[in-house]
Amino acid sequence: MAKSGKKRKSDSVTMLAVAGYVLFLVVGFPAAERAGGFYPALMILAGIATLFAIVYYHSRVNAYVCPKCRRKFKISFLTDLLSLNGGKQGKRVTCPHCGFKGWMQETAPDEK
């Protein structure tokens, strides 16, 4: 979240998407298991695709601030997918400006 504590619309959208994803998994997997056939495999593929869509959205609407050089930067989809997320600590990534590797706070990206 932004350091000011102000709640951004993208934060709410991300949380709603994650909640929907969890509901999708909790309801979908047992239903697919009962249905049998190819439905469990289809559910796995749908779950992976949905997760990728959420991470892609998250990587597009967020930026990070380096605690060392205080510069803002965006990360790629793959970096967002594979990097550790520490909740309130932020995300553990490497600053492309100064090379500092550590927990970076999430913020809104600069408007271009």
Foldseek 3Di string as FASTA:
>chain_A
DAPVPDDDPLVVVLVVLVVVLVVCCVPQQVVQVVVDDCSNVVSVVVSVVSVLVSLQSVQVFKWWADPPPRDIGGDHSVCSVPWDQDVQQATFDADPPPRDTGHTHIDGDDDD
